[in-house]
Amino acid sequence: MMRRTSQMVLAAMLLWLSTGSAHAEDWFKEFTKNSAITARRVNHWPQPFIYPDRRAVVAPFTLMVSKGWKAQNTVGAHLFDEKTGELKEAGKLKIRSIVTDTPLAYRSIYVQTGASRDETTRRVDLVQQYAVHLVPRGPLPPVRITDQAPRLHEAEYVDSINRRFTATTPSPRLPDSDSDSSGEEK
């Protein structure tokens, strides 16, 4: 049955090719070319697929790293004085840290949007002016606007967690002299 089917397919191909159609010749050339490519790909597997697969695996991590740097380099609303709109000392220290400590590839300053367009523009201007003060020559880091607020924890909360951790840490002590180096008792 299988032999008869393959003979019929071969006969149909030969009949079609014998019509002299230019389209049939192009089809046959394309078929043989694709067959050769497929054979080489199968014989060299998995080599052709390793690097695209690696890129596909690493791509989410690259995105995570860039989003982490964005969160790290965001000058949030809490770093601006509510009454005057000026940068607080903590905001200046944050910008200084971004300009001096951040790797060049991630040295962008993100400013959280304000309640109005004017407030956002004022924040961006203040950050740029302070950045110019820190970088007297050379390229300035780009200042971008973001509407994502940085994740914040109050200092008292973080301090209470650290104090509880320290309080529950057991005191250091040497093992009893009755036990040998393997920890088993004699």
C-alpha atoms as a PDB file:
ATOM      1  CA  MET A   1       0.000   0.000   0.000  1.00  0.00           C
ATOM      2  CA  MET A   2       2.776   2.419   0.968  1.00  0.00           C
ATOM      3  CA  ARG A   3       4.773   1.526  -2.109  1.00  0.00           C
ATOM      4  CA  ARG A   4       1.807   2.101  -4.377  1.00  0.00           C
ATOM      5  CA  THR A   5       1.099   5.523  -2.810  1.00  0.00           C
ATOM      6  CA  SER A   6       4.699   6.636  -3.206  1.00  0.00           C
ATOM      7  CA  GLN A   7       4.676   5.444  -6.837  1.00  0.00           C
ATOM      8  CA  MET A   8       1.518   7.449  -7.500  1.00  0.00           C
ATOM      9  CA  VAL A   9       3.006  10.588  -5.918  1.00  0.00           C
ATOM     10  CA  LEU A  10       6.191  10.166  -7.959  1.00  0.00           C
ATOM     11  CA  ALA A  11       4.175   9.659 -11.147  1.00  0.00           C
ATOM     12  CA  ALA A  12       2.100  12.771 -10.435  1.00  0.00           C
ATOM     13  CA  MET A  13       5.253  14.826  -9.853  1.00  0.00           C
ATOM     14  CA  LEU A  14       6.836  13.573 -13.073  1.00  0.00           C
ATOM     15  CA  LEU A  15       3.651  14.293 -15.021  1.00  0.00           C
ATOM     16  CA  TRP A  16       3.471  17.775 -13.607  1.00  0.00           C
ATOM     17  CA  LEU A  17       7.149  18.426 -14.320  1.00  0.00           C
ATOM     18  CA  SER A  18       6.834  17.073 -17.845  1.00  0.00           C
ATOM     19  CA  THR A  19       4.318  19.756 -18.770  1.00  0.00           C
ATOM     20  CA  GLY A  20       7.287  22.084 -19.265  1.00  0.00           C
ATOM     21  CA  SER A  21       5.869  24.765 -17.050  1.00  0.00           C
ATOM     22  CA  ALA A  22       8.396  27.296 -15.741  1.00  0.00           C
ATOM     23  CA  HIS A  23       6.481  27.310 -12.498  1.00  0.00           C
ATOM     24  CA  ALA A  24       6.998  23.575 -12.070  1.00  0.00           C
ATOM     25  CA  GLU A  25      10.746  23.900 -12.590  1.00  0.00           C
ATOM     26  CA  ASP A  26      10.919  26.712 -10.032  1.00  0.00           C
ATOM     27  CA  TRP A  27       8.954  24.605  -7.581  1.00  0.00           C
ATOM     28  CA  PHE A  28      11.279  21.643  -8.030  1.00  0.00           C
ATOM     29  CA  LYS A  29      14.401  23.806  -7.581  1.00  0.00           C
ATOM     30  CA  GLU A  30      12.918  25.357  -4.452  1.00  0.00           C
ATOM     31  CA  PHE A  31      11.973  21.910  -3.126  1.00  0.00           C
ATOM     32  CA  THR A  32      15.491  20.515  -3.615  1.00  0.00           C
ATOM     33  CA  LYS A  33      17.072  23.634  -2.093  1.00  0.00           C
ATOM     34  CA  ASN A  34      14.819  23.435   0.983  1.00  0.00           C
ATOM     35  CA  SER A  35      15.488  19.704   1.302  1.00  0.00           C
ATOM     36  CA  ALA A  36      19.231  20.340   1.349  1.00  0.00           C
ATOM     37  CA  ILE A  37      18.856  23.063   3.987  1.00  0.00           C
ATOM     38  CA  THR A  38      16.666  20.797   6.116  1.00  0.00           C
ATOM     39  CA  ALA A  39      19.159  17.923   5.832  1.00  0.00           C
ATOM     40  CA  ARG A  40      22.059  20.167   6.915  1.00  0.00           C
ATOM     41  CA  ARG A  41      20.003  21.560   9.800  1.00  0.00           C
ATOM     42  CA  VAL A  42      19.099  18.062  11.016  1.00  0.00           C
ATOM     43  CA  ASN A  43      22.713  16.887  10.764  1.00  0.00           C
ATOM     44  CA  HIS A  44      24.020  19.903  12.696  1.00  0.00           C
ATOM     45  CA  TRP A  45      21.339  19.955  15.382  1.00  0.00           C
ATOM     46  CA  PRO A  46      21.376  21.573  17.980  1.00  0.00           C
ATOM     47  CA  GLN A  47      24.077  24.043  16.849  1.00  0.00           C
ATOM     48  CA  PRO A  48      21.825  26.370  14.770  1.00  0.00           C
ATOM     49  CA  PHE A  49      19.425  26.768  17.693  1.00  0.00           C
ATOM     50  CA  ILE A  50      21.754  27.271  20.666  1.00  0.00           C
ATOM     51  CA  TYR A  51      22.360  31.011  20.357  1.00  0.00           C
ATOM     52  CA  PRO A  52      18.756  32.056  19.617  1.00  0.00           C
ATOM     53  CA  ASP A  53      17.646  29.906  22.551  1.00  0.00           C
ATOM     54  CA  ARG A  54      20.223  31.514  24.832  1.00  0.00           C
ATOM     55  CA  ARG A  55      19.080  34.991  23.774  1.00  0.00           C
ATOM     56  CA  ALA A  56      15.468  34.013  24.464  1.00  0.00           C
ATOM     57  CA  VAL A  57      16.381  32.796  27.963  1.00  0.00           C
ATOM     58  CA  VAL A  58      18.452  35.883  28.856  1.00  0.00           C
ATOM     59  CA  ALA A  59      16.001  38.474  27.472  1.00  0.00           C
ATOM     60  CA  PRO A  60      13.715  38.541  30.555  1.00  0.00           C
ATOM     61  CA  PHE A  61      16.711  39.028  32.844  1.00  0.00           C
ATOM     62  CA  THR A  62      17.900  41.983  30.782  1.00  0.00           C
ATOM     63  CA  LEU A  63      14.457  43.533  31.153  1.00  0.00           C
ATOM     64  CA  MET A  64      14.473  42.880  34.899  1.00  0.00           C
ATOM     65  CA  VAL A  65      17.880  44.515  35.297  1.00  0.00           C
ATOM     66  CA  SER A  66      16.825  47.633  33.398  1.00  0.00           C
ATOM     67  CA  LYS A  67      13.607  47.927  35.430  1.00  0.00           C
ATOM     68  CA  GLY A  68      15.612  47.488  38.633  1.00  0.00           C
ATOM     69  CA  TRP A  69      17.942  50.326  37.652  1.00  0.00           C
ATOM     70  CA  LYS A  70      14.927  52.451  36.755  1.00  0.00           C
ATOM     71  CA  ALA A  71      13.457  51.858  40.219  1.00  0.00           C
ATOM     72  CA  GLN A  72      16.843  52.573  41.809  1.00  0.00           C
ATOM     73  CA  ASN A  73      17.325  55.812  39.844  1.00  0.00           C
ATOM     74  CA  THR A  74      13.848  57.257  40.401  1.00  0.00           C
ATOM     75  CA  VAL A  75      13.667  60.564  42.253  1.00  0.00           C
ATOM     76  CA  GLY A  76      10.278  60.210  43.914  1.00  0.00           C
ATOM     77  CA  ALA A  77       7.824  62.815  45.135  1.00  0.00           C
ATOM     78  CA  HIS A  78       9.010  62.317  48.733  1.00  0.00           C
ATOM     79  CA  LEU A  79      12.388  63.831  47.772  1.00  0.00           C
ATOM     80  CA  PHE A  80      10.814  67.213  46.945  1.00  0.00           C
ATOM     81  CA  ASP A  81       9.604  69.665  49.593  1.00  0.00           C
ATOM     82  CA  GLU A  82       5.797  69.715  49.616  1.00  0.00           C
ATOM     83  CA  LYS A  83       5.534  73.458  50.305  1.00  0.00           C
ATOM     84  CA  THR A  84       8.330  74.950  48.199  1.00  0.00           C
ATOM     85  CA  GLY A  85       8.759  72.172  45.627  1.00  0.00           C
ATOM     86  CA  GLU A  86      12.562  72.360  46.055  1.00  0.00           C
ATOM     87  CA  LEU A  87      14.788  69.295  46.262  1.00  0.00           C
ATOM     88  CA  LYS A  88      15.315  68.053  49.800  1.00  0.00           C
ATOM     89  CA  GLU A  89      18.808  67.141  50.963  1.00  0.00           C
ATOM     90  CA  ALA A  90      17.917  63.458  50.522  1.00  0.00           C
ATOM     91  CA  GLY A  91      16.952  64.189  46.899  1.00  0.00           C
ATOM     92  CA  LYS A  92      20.300  65.875  46.270  1.00  0.00           C
ATOM     93  CA  LEU A  93      22.111  62.893  47.760  1.00  0.00           C
ATOM     94  CA  LYS A  94      20.049  60.552  45.581  1.00  0.00           C
ATOM     95  CA  ILE A  95      20.966  62.482  42.409  1.00  0.00           C
ATOM     96  CA  ARG A  96      24.626  62.599  43.477  1.00  0.00           C
ATOM     97  CA  SER A  97      24.565  58.834  43.976  1.00  0.00           C
ATOM     98  CA  ILE A  98      23.022  58.289  40.526  1.00  0.00           C
ATOM     99  CA  VAL A  99      25.533  60.588  38.801  1.00  0.00           C
ATOM    100  CA  THR A 100      28.621  59.248  40.564  1.00  0.00           C
ATOM    101  CA  ASP A 101      27.951  55.601  41.462  1.00  0.00           C
ATOM    102  CA  THR A 102      25.694  54.209  38.745  1.00  0.00           C
ATOM    103  CA  PRO A 103      27.339  52.402  35.791  1.00  0.00           C
ATOM    104  CA  LEU A 104      27.299  54.469  32.590  1.00  0.00           C
ATOM    105  CA  ALA A 105      24.908  52.104  30.819  1.00  0.00           C
ATOM    106  CA  TYR A 106      22.233  52.762  33.465  1.00  0.00           C
ATOM    107  CA  ARG A 107      23.018  56.381  34.344  1.00  0.00           C
ATOM    108  CA  SER A 108      19.589  57.891  33.688  1.00  0.00           C
ATOM    109  CA  ILE A 109      17.619  59.915  36.207  1.00  0.00           C
ATOM    110  CA  TYR A 110      13.878  59.255  36.398  1.00  0.00           C
ATOM    111  CA  VAL A 111      11.653  61.916  37.955  1.00  0.00           C
ATOM    112  CA  GLN A 112       8.247  60.961  39.317  1.00  0.00           C
ATOM    113  CA  THR A 113       5.416  63.006  37.844  1.00  0.00           C
ATOM    114  CA  GLY A 114       3.790  65.687  39.959  1.00  0.00           C
ATOM    115  CA  ALA A 115       0.130  66.548  40.456  1.00  0.00           C
ATOM    116  CA  SER A 116       0.212  68.871  37.434  1.00  0.00           C
ATOM    117  CA  ARG A 117       2.221  69.305  34.268  1.00  0.00           C
ATOM    118  CA  ASP A 118       3.813  72.484  35.696  1.00  0.00           C
ATOM    119  CA  GLU A 119       4.898  70.671  38.846  1.00  0.00           C
ATOM    120  CA  THR A 120       6.445  67.865  36.781  1.00  0.00           C
ATOM    121  CA  THR A 121       8.291  70.376  34.583  1.00  0.00           C
ATOM    122  CA  ARG A 122       9.588  72.181  37.680  1.00  0.00           C
ATOM    123  CA  ARG A 123      10.839  68.900  39.171  1.00  0.00           C
ATOM    124  CA  VAL A 124      12.653  67.984  35.966  1.00  0.00           C
ATOM    125  CA  ASP A 125      14.245  71.452  35.791  1.00  0.00           C
ATOM    126  CA  LEU A 126      15.431  71.227  39.414  1.00  0.00           C
ATOM    127  CA  VAL A 127      16.949  67.784  38.845  1.00  0.00           C
ATOM    128  CA  GLN A 128      18.696  68.914  35.651  1.00  0.00           C
ATOM    129  CA  GLN A 129      20.102  72.021  37.343  1.00  0.00           C
ATOM    130  CA  TYR A 130      21.480  69.971  40.201  1.00  0.00           C
ATOM    131  CA  ALA A 131      22.931  67.397  37.783  1.00  0.00           C
ATOM    132  CA  VAL A 132      24.690  70.224  35.884  1.00  0.00           C
ATOM    133  CA  HIS A 133      26.155  71.317  39.214  1.00  0.00           C
ATOM    134  CA  LEU A 134      27.527  67.792  39.786  1.00  0.00           C
ATOM    135  CA  VAL A 135      28.852  67.260  36.232  1.00  0.00           C
ATOM    136  CA  PRO A 136      30.600  70.493  35.215  1.00  0.00           C
ATOM    137  CA  ARG A 137      31.812  69.053  31.898  1.00  0.00           C
ATOM    138  CA  GLY A 138      30.983  66.108  29.718  1.00  0.00           C
ATOM    139  CA  PRO A 139      27.639  64.569  28.885  1.00  0.00           C
ATOM    140  CA  LEU A 140      24.840  64.900  31.397  1.00  0.00           C
ATOM    141  CA  PRO A 141      22.768  61.870  32.312  1.00  0.00           C
ATOM    142  CA  PRO A 142      19.367  61.944  30.624  1.00  0.00           C
ATOM    143  CA  VAL A 143      16.469  63.000  32.839  1.00  0.00           C
ATOM    144  CA  ARG A 144      13.253  61.144  32.061  1.00  0.00           C
ATOM    145  CA  ILE A 145       9.742  61.326  33.455  1.00  0.00           C
ATOM    146  CA  THR A 146       8.038  58.325  35.025  1.00  0.00           C
ATOM    147  CA  ASP A 147       4.673  57.879  36.673  1.00  0.00           C
ATOM    148  CA  GLN A 148       5.806  54.867  38.684  1.00  0.00           C
ATOM    149  CA  ALA A 149       6.394  55.694  42.334  1.00  0.00           C
ATOM    150  CA  PRO A 150       9.429  54.084  43.953  1.00  0.00           C
ATOM    151  CA  ARG A 151       8.738  51.421  46.553  1.00  0.00           C
ATOM    152  CA  LEU A 152       9.313  52.935  49.953  1.00  0.00           C
ATOM    153  CA  HIS A 153       9.548  51.645  53.514  1.00  0.00           C
ATOM    154  CA  GLU A 154       9.551  53.885  56.535  1.00  0.00           C
ATOM    155  CA  ALA A 155      12.847  53.995  58.409  1.00  0.00           C
ATOM    156  CA  GLU A 156      11.203  52.951  61.692  1.00  0.00           C
ATOM    157  CA  TYR A 157       9.755  49.843  60.031  1.00  0.00           C
ATOM    158  CA  VAL A 158      13.105  48.795  58.544  1.00  0.00           C
ATOM    159  CA  ASP A 159      14.843  49.516  61.850  1.00  0.00           C
ATOM    160  CA  SER A 160      12.301  47.406  63.783  1.00  0.00           C
ATOM    161  CA  ILE A 161      12.884  44.460  61.425  1.00  0.00           C
ATOM    162  CA  ASN A 162      16.659  44.727  61.851  1.00  0.00           C
ATOM    163  CA  ARG A 163      16.334  44.964  65.654  1.00  0.00           C
ATOM    164  CA  ARG A 164      14.088  41.863  65.801  1.00  0.00           C
ATOM    165  CA  PHE A 165      16.513  39.942  63.609  1.00  0.00           C
ATOM    166  CA  THR A 166      19.430  40.903  65.842  1.00  0.00           C
ATOM    167  CA  ALA A 167      17.464  40.014  68.994  1.00  0.00           C
ATOM    168  CA  THR A 168      16.690  36.491  67.745  1.00  0.00           C
ATOM    169  CA  THR A 169      20.238  35.692  66.654  1.00  0.00           C
ATOM    170  CA  PRO A 170      21.681  33.067  69.016  1.00  0.00           C
ATOM    171  CA  SER A 171      24.854  33.860  70.915  1.00  0.00           C
ATOM    172  CA  PRO A 172      27.993  32.348  69.408  1.00  0.00           C
ATOM    173  CA  ARG A 173      29.446  29.420  71.344  1.00  0.00           C
ATOM    174  CA  LEU A 174      32.077  26.765  70.900  1.00  0.00           C
ATOM    175  CA  PRO A 175      31.096  23.101  70.750  1.00  0.00           C
ATOM    176  CA  ASP A 176      31.370  21.019  73.921  1.00  0.00           C
ATOM    177  CA  SER A 177      34.764  19.432  74.560  1.00  0.00           C
ATOM    178  CA  ASP A 178      33.073  15.995  74.825  1.00  0.00           C
ATOM    179  CA  SER A 179      32.421  15.857  71.097  1.00  0.00           C
ATOM    180  CA  ASP A 180      35.015  15.227  68.396  1.00  0.00           C
ATOM    181  CA  SER A 181      35.469  17.260  65.189  1.00  0.00           C
ATOM    182  CA  SER A 182      32.715  15.373  63.331  1.00  0.00           C
ATOM    183  CA  GLY A 183      30.082  16.550  65.818  1.00  0.00           C
ATOM    184  CA  GLU A 184      29.347  13.040  67.160  1.00  0.00           C
ATOM    185  CA  GLU A 185      29.556  12.411  70.864  1.00  0.00           C
ATOM    186  CA  LYS A 186      31.921   9.775  72.247  1.00  0.00           C
END
